């Protein structure tokens, strides 16, 4: 099966552009989740001064979005735990709450976590990973009694390197027991890799969609791939795609503030039909969506995997 048949781009792409928010330069790399009988999103909105902010968005169909004109306001009782900027958020539903993770600024880029139950009041939890780190994704349930977080150590600037690590916590505050998951592996993911949407629990393992980067002579190319991680020891890789699932080819994926970017951030799964919607940032400018059948995606990961993972 050719990789073009796994994901099909939505014909109405891009679904969110800077036109959705007055004063925005770009809206991209944003997370969506179902909430009640609607859908809610946490959108990265870079404004005309290029400052990245986090804004809420609401939708009845997960395709047509209304973006709040005001950034999210966060509560905190600790002056050392404060919102500074909003960079590439993820949202995980976990034990009756919704947790946001994103790259904040605390003496350098690190990972902040916040929680909400109603998407009205947001409480900052803690600076969960110190600088330098730019990418964090929380698992949707405990494993062996602990919480788990995928992350990617970085440095103070936009790095030409990056590998996926995993850590665990008994309380969402204290994180440790770091384990290496995987790093670059040639081809479309030769330069760096990073976790994408919240992992999906399947009978084959945790499905982790991720981004890989190849640095060419004139540009960086971001593409999407997938891996299956062990359900009980999720730092162990069962399968990992050799071939990409989605790579920039359309105008909205190739032209923007950072050209040639497909950056997967969120998924929605229809459990009845097993149809998967993947939301991704395009060229650091807008948001698009692509669809596939979960079973076809799982087959693709297993059939197009590296022999040594």
Protein backbone atom coordinates (compact mmCIF):
# COMPACT_ATOMS: atom_id res chain seq x y z
CA UNK A 1 0.00 0.00 0.00
CA UNK A 2 1.48 3.35 -1.00
CA UNK A 3 1.80 5.87 1.81
CA UNK A 4 -0.49 8.32 -0.01
CA UNK A 5 -3.41 5.99 0.73
CA UNK A 6 -2.95 6.02 4.51
CA UNK A 7 -3.76 9.71 5.12
CA UNK A 8 -6.02 11.79 2.92
CA UNK A 9 -5.80 15.56 3.24
CA UNK A 10 -9.10 17.30 3.95
CA UNK A 11 -10.25 19.09 0.82
CA UNK A 12 -11.06 22.23 2.82
CA UNK A 13 -7.50 22.68 4.14
CA UNK A 14 -6.21 24.75 5.73
CA UNK A 15 -8.92 24.81 8.39
CA UNK A 16 -7.39 27.59 10.53
CA UNK A 17 -5.39 30.53 9.18
CA UNK A 18 -4.24 33.90 10.59
CA UNK A 19 -7.52 35.35 9.30
CA UNK A 20 -9.26 33.62 12.23
CA UNK A 21 -7.71 36.10 14.71
CA UNK A 22 -7.22 39.83 14.14
CA UNK A 23 -3.59 40.78 14.64
CA UNK A 24 -2.26 37.23 14.17
CA UNK A 25 0.74 36.59 11.96
CA UNK A 26 0.22 32.82 12.09
CA UNK A 27 -1.81 30.09 13.85
CA UNK A 28 -0.24 26.64 13.79
CA UNK A 29 0.98 23.60 15.83
CA UNK A 30 -2.25 23.50 17.87
CA UNK A 31 -4.09 20.81 19.87
CA UNK A 32 -7.77 19.81 19.79
CA UNK A 33 -9.89 17.51 21.99
CA UNK A 34 -13.58 16.62 22.26
CA UNK A 35 -15.37 18.38 25.13
CA UNK A 36 -19.03 17.78 25.88
CA UNK A 37 -20.93 17.84 22.60
CA UNK A 38 -18.37 20.16 20.98
CA UNK A 39 -14.65 20.38 20.34
CA UNK A 40 -12.15 22.68 21.99
CA UNK A 41 -8.67 23.61 20.85
CA UNK A 42 -5.63 25.29 22.33
CA UNK A 43 -4.09 27.22 19.47
CA UNK A 44 -0.61 28.62 19.13
CA UNK A 45 -1.13 32.11 17.78
CA UNK A 46 1.95 34.12 16.87
CA UNK A 47 0.92 37.74 16.79
CA UNK A 48 2.21 40.56 14.58
CA UNK A 49 5.14 41.09 16.96
CA UNK A 50 5.90 37.33 16.60
CA UNK A 51 5.13 36.70 20.28
CA UNK A 52 3.52 33.22 20.61
CA UNK A 53 0.29 33.16 22.61
CA UNK A 54 -2.15 30.40 23.57
CA UNK A 55 -5.76 31.03 22.58
CA UNK A 56 -8.85 28.85 22.99
CA UNK A 57 -10.91 27.80 19.99
CA UNK A 58 -14.34 26.16 19.77
CA UNK A 59 -16.00 24.13 17.04
CA UNK A 60 -19.15 22.10 16.49
CA UNK A 61 -17.59 19.83 13.86
CA UNK A 62 -13.81 20.03 14.57
CA UNK A 63 -13.32 21.72 11.18
CA UNK A 64 -14.85 25.19 11.45
CA UNK A 65 -13.27 27.07 14.35
CA UNK A 66 -13.93 30.25 16.28
CA UNK A 67 -10.76 31.51 17.98
CA UNK A 68 -11.03 33.59 21.16
CA UNK A 69 -9.57 37.08 20.69
CA UNK A 70 -7.98 36.99 24.15
CA UNK A 71 -5.13 34.70 25.19
CA UNK A 72 -5.73 32.10 27.90
CA UNK A 73 -5.33 33.48 31.43
CA UNK A 74 -3.54 31.15 33.86
CA UNK A 75 -3.80 31.10 37.65
CA UNK A 76 -0.78 30.46 39.86
CA UNK A 77 0.05 30.90 43.55
CA UNK A 78 3.80 30.58 43.00
CA UNK A 79 5.70 33.50 41.39
CA UNK A 80 8.24 31.02 39.99
CA UNK A 81 5.46 29.19 38.15
CA UNK A 82 4.22 31.65 35.56
CA UNK A 83 3.14 31.78 31.96
CA UNK A 84 5.61 33.55 29.69
CA UNK A 85 4.80 32.37 26.18
CA UNK A 86 2.88 29.62 24.39
CA UNK A 87 4.85 27.37 22.08
CA UNK A 88 3.40 24.20 20.47
CA UNK A 89 0.76 23.08 23.03
CA UNK A 90 -0.61 19.59 23.56
CA UNK A 91 -3.78 18.71 25.49
CA UNK A 92 -4.33 15.37 27.26
CA UNK A 93 -7.52 14.18 28.95
CA UNK A 94 -6.44 12.34 32.08
CA UNK A 95 -8.38 11.22 35.16
CA UNK A 96 -11.23 13.69 34.73
CA UNK A 97 -9.08 16.71 33.92
CA UNK A 98 -7.42 18.20 30.88
CA UNK A 99 -3.70 18.88 31.02
CA UNK A 100 -1.87 21.32 28.80
CA UNK A 101 1.84 20.94 28.13
CA UNK A 102 3.81 23.46 26.13
CA UNK A 103 7.19 25.09 25.74
CA UNK A 104 7.30 28.05 28.12
CA UNK A 105 10.12 30.46 28.93
CA UNK A 106 11.71 30.07 32.36
CA UNK A 107 15.34 31.17 32.01
CA UNK A 108 15.25 29.43 28.65
CA UNK A 109 12.77 27.17 26.83
CA UNK A 110 11.37 24.53 29.19
CA UNK A 111 8.13 22.64 29.70
CA UNK A 112 5.17 24.03 31.61
CA UNK A 113 2.03 22.11 32.60
CA UNK A 114 -1.43 23.47 33.41
CA UNK A 115 -4.76 21.82 34.24
CA UNK A 116 -8.41 22.62 33.66
CA UNK A 117 -11.74 20.88 34.09
CA UNK A 118 -13.95 23.30 32.17
CA UNK A 119 -11.69 25.25 29.78
CA UNK A 120 -12.66 28.38 31.67
CA UNK A 121 -10.26 28.28 34.61
CA UNK A 122 -6.68 27.18 34.04
CA UNK A 123 -4.24 26.49 36.87
CA UNK A 124 -0.51 26.26 36.32
CA UNK A 125 0.85 23.01 37.76
CA UNK A 126 4.63 23.39 37.61
CA UNK A 127 7.74 23.90 35.50
CA UNK A 128 7.90 20.16 34.88
CA UNK A 129 11.08 20.05 32.76
CA UNK A 130 13.84 22.60 33.11
CA UNK A 131 15.54 24.30 30.16
CA UNK A 132 16.39 23.33 27.62
CA UNK A 133 13.40 21.39 26.31
CA UNK A 134 10.93 22.22 23.55
CA UNK A 135 8.51 19.33 23.14
CA UNK A 136 6.39 17.42 25.68
CA UNK A 137 3.43 15.03 25.35
CA UNK A 138 1.61 13.47 28.30
CA UNK A 139 0.24 9.91 28.11
CA UNK A 140 -3.55 9.62 28.63
CA UNK A 141 -3.36 7.18 31.56
CA UNK A 142 -1.02 5.96 34.25
CA UNK A 143 1.21 3.00 33.50
CA UNK A 144 2.24 0.88 36.48
CA UNK A 145 0.91 3.58 38.80
CA UNK A 146 3.00 6.39 37.30
CA UNK A 147 2.41 9.17 34.80
CA UNK A 148 4.55 9.26 31.65
CA UNK A 149 5.74 12.12 29.48
CA UNK A 150 7.50 12.09 26.11
CA UNK A 151 9.93 14.96 25.67
CA UNK A 152 12.82 16.26 23.58
CA UNK A 153 15.85 17.93 25.16
CA UNK A 154 17.09 20.93 23.23
CA UNK A 155 19.26 24.01 23.67
CA UNK A 156 18.73 27.76 23.75
CA UNK A 157 18.15 28.18 20.01
CA UNK A 158 16.37 26.36 17.18
CA UNK A 159 18.39 23.17 17.19
CA UNK A 160 19.62 21.03 14.35
CA UNK A 161 19.38 17.97 16.58
CA UNK A 162 16.79 16.22 18.74
CA UNK A 163 15.91 12.79 20.13
CA UNK A 164 12.79 11.52 21.89
CA UNK A 165 13.06 10.68 25.59
CA UNK A 166 10.48 9.54 28.13
CA UNK A 167 10.20 10.25 31.85
CA UNK A 168 7.79 9.29 34.61
CA UNK A 169 6.25 10.84 37.72
CA UNK A 170 4.18 9.68 40.70
CA UNK A 171 2.38 13.03 41.02
CA UNK A 172 2.75 15.12 37.83
CA UNK A 173 5.19 17.37 39.71
CA UNK A 174 8.41 15.41 40.17
CA UNK A 175 9.73 13.91 36.94
CA UNK A 176 12.61 11.51 36.52
CA UNK A 177 13.65 8.01 35.42
CA UNK A 178 14.42 9.33 31.94
CA UNK A 179 14.59 6.72 29.20
CA UNK A 180 15.75 7.10 25.60
CA UNK A 181 13.05 6.18 23.06
CA UNK A 182 14.73 6.84 19.72
CA UNK A 183 16.66 9.36 17.66
CA UNK A 184 17.19 10.20 13.97
CA UNK A 185 17.41 7.28 11.55
CA UNK A 186 18.24 8.53 8.06
CA UNK A 187 16.09 9.70 5.16
CA UNK A 188 13.21 12.04 6.03
CA UNK A 189 14.09 11.79 9.76
CA UNK A 190 17.87 12.05 9.45
CA UNK A 191 18.38 15.22 11.53
CA UNK A 192 15.96 15.18 14.47
CA UNK A 193 12.70 13.73 15.73
CA UNK A 194 10.04 14.79 18.23
CA UNK A 195 6.79 13.41 19.64
CA UNK A 196 3.54 14.65 18.12
CA UNK A 197 -0.04 13.99 19.31
CA UNK A 198 -1.03 12.28 22.55
CA UNK A 199 -0.23 8.55 22.18
CA UNK A 200 -3.23 6.37 21.32
CA UNK A 201 -3.62 3.07 23.17
CA UNK A 202 -4.23 0.22 20.71
CA UNK A 203 -4.08 -3.56 20.81
CA UNK A 204 -0.73 -3.30 19.01
CA UNK A 205 0.83 -0.89 21.53
CA UNK A 206 0.89 2.86 22.07
CA UNK A 207 0.56 4.53 18.68
CA UNK A 208 2.88 7.53 18.68
CA UNK A 209 2.73 9.81 15.65
CA UNK A 210 5.87 11.95 15.53
CA UNK A 211 7.67 14.45 13.34
CA UNK A 212 11.02 13.92 11.69
CA UNK A 213 13.32 16.51 10.15
CA UNK A 214 15.72 16.31 7.25
CA UNK A 215 18.08 19.26 6.74
CA UNK A 216 18.68 19.89 3.06
CA UNK A 217 21.09 22.36 1.44
CA UNK A 218 18.51 25.17 1.36
CA UNK A 219 15.80 24.22 3.87
CA UNK A 220 14.57 21.99 6.70
CA UNK A 221 11.82 19.52 5.79
CA UNK A 222 9.40 18.36 8.52
CA UNK A 223 7.39 15.18 7.88
CA UNK A 224 5.16 12.87 9.92
CA UNK A 225 5.78 9.23 10.81
CA UNK A 226 4.55 6.81 13.46
CA UNK A 227 5.79 4.23 15.93
CA UNK A 228 4.27 1.57 18.18
CA UNK A 229 5.56 1.55 21.75
CA UNK A 230 5.22 -1.22 24.30
CA UNK A 231 2.08 -0.79 26.42
CA UNK A 232 3.77 -1.46 29.77
CA UNK A 233 7.29 -0.20 29.00
CA UNK A 234 6.63 2.62 26.54
CA UNK A 235 10.30 3.48 26.04
CA UNK A 236 10.61 0.19 24.17
CA UNK A 237 9.89 0.55 20.44
CA UNK A 238 8.05 -2.31 18.74
CA UNK A 239 7.77 -0.74 15.29
CA UNK A 240 8.84 2.55 13.72
CA UNK A 241 8.07 3.71 10.20
CA UNK A 242 10.89 3.80 7.70
CA UNK A 243 8.64 5.69 5.23
CA UNK A 244 6.92 8.94 6.12
CA UNK A 245 3.15 9.13 6.47
CA UNK A 246 2.77 12.73 5.35
CA UNK A 247 5.34 15.15 3.94
CA UNK A 248 4.93 18.72 2.68
CA UNK A 249 3.68 18.85 -0.90
CA UNK A 250 0.80 21.35 -0.95
CA UNK A 251 1.13 25.13 -1.18
CA UNK A 252 -0.04 25.65 2.42
CA UNK A 253 2.51 23.10 3.69
CA UNK A 254 5.39 24.50 1.65
CA UNK A 255 4.92 28.28 1.87
CA UNK A 256 4.91 30.13 5.18
CA UNK A 257 7.18 31.57 7.86
CA UNK A 258 9.05 28.24 7.92
CA UNK A 259 8.53 26.50 4.55
CA UNK A 260 8.13 22.75 4.04
CA UNK A 261 6.64 21.79 7.40
CA UNK A 262 4.14 19.09 8.36
CA UNK A 263 4.05 19.13 12.17
CA UNK A 264 1.51 16.67 13.71
CA UNK A 265 0.12 17.82 17.06
CA UNK A 266 -3.29 16.23 17.76
CA UNK A 267 -5.65 13.44 16.73
CA UNK A 268 -9.35 12.71 17.09
CA UNK A 269 -10.48 9.09 16.90
CA UNK A 270 -14.03 8.03 16.10
CA UNK A 271 -14.17 4.79 18.06
CA UNK A 272 -17.24 3.53 16.20
CA UNK A 273 -15.75 3.86 12.71
CA UNK A 274 -12.05 3.84 13.77
CA UNK A 275 -11.55 6.88 11.55
CA UNK A 276 -8.63 9.01 12.70
CA UNK A 277 -8.27 12.74 12.11
CA UNK A 278 -4.75 14.15 12.46
CA UNK A 279 -4.27 17.89 13.02
CA UNK A 280 -0.98 19.39 11.98
CA UNK A 281 0.76 22.70 11.61
CA UNK A 282 1.72 23.78 8.09
CA UNK A 283 4.79 25.88 7.26
CA UNK A 284 4.49 27.58 10.69
CA UNK A 285 1.51 29.48 9.29
CA UNK A 286 -1.78 27.57 9.49
CA UNK A 287 -3.54 24.39 10.64
CA UNK A 288 -4.67 21.49 8.44
CA UNK A 289 -6.21 18.05 8.97
CA UNK A 290 -5.81 14.67 7.30
CA UNK A 291 -7.83 11.46 7.77
CA UNK A 292 -7.13 7.73 7.75
CA UNK A 293 -8.50 4.47 9.08
CA UNK A 294 -6.77 3.43 12.28
CA UNK A 295 -6.40 -0.19 11.20
CA UNK A 296 -4.77 0.82 7.93
CA UNK A 297 -2.37 3.05 9.84
CA UNK A 298 -1.42 0.25 12.23
CA UNK A 299 -0.82 -2.09 9.30
CA UNK A 300 1.31 0.54 7.59
CA UNK A 301 3.48 1.04 10.69
CA UNK A 302 4.13 -2.69 10.96
CA UNK A 303 4.73 -3.25 7.24
CA UNK A 304 6.94 -0.21 6.68
CA UNK A 305 9.04 -0.46 9.83
CA UNK A 306 12.80 -0.45 10.19
CA UNK A 307 13.98 -4.05 10.72
CA UNK A 308 15.93 -2.94 13.80
CA UNK A 309 13.45 -0.28 14.98
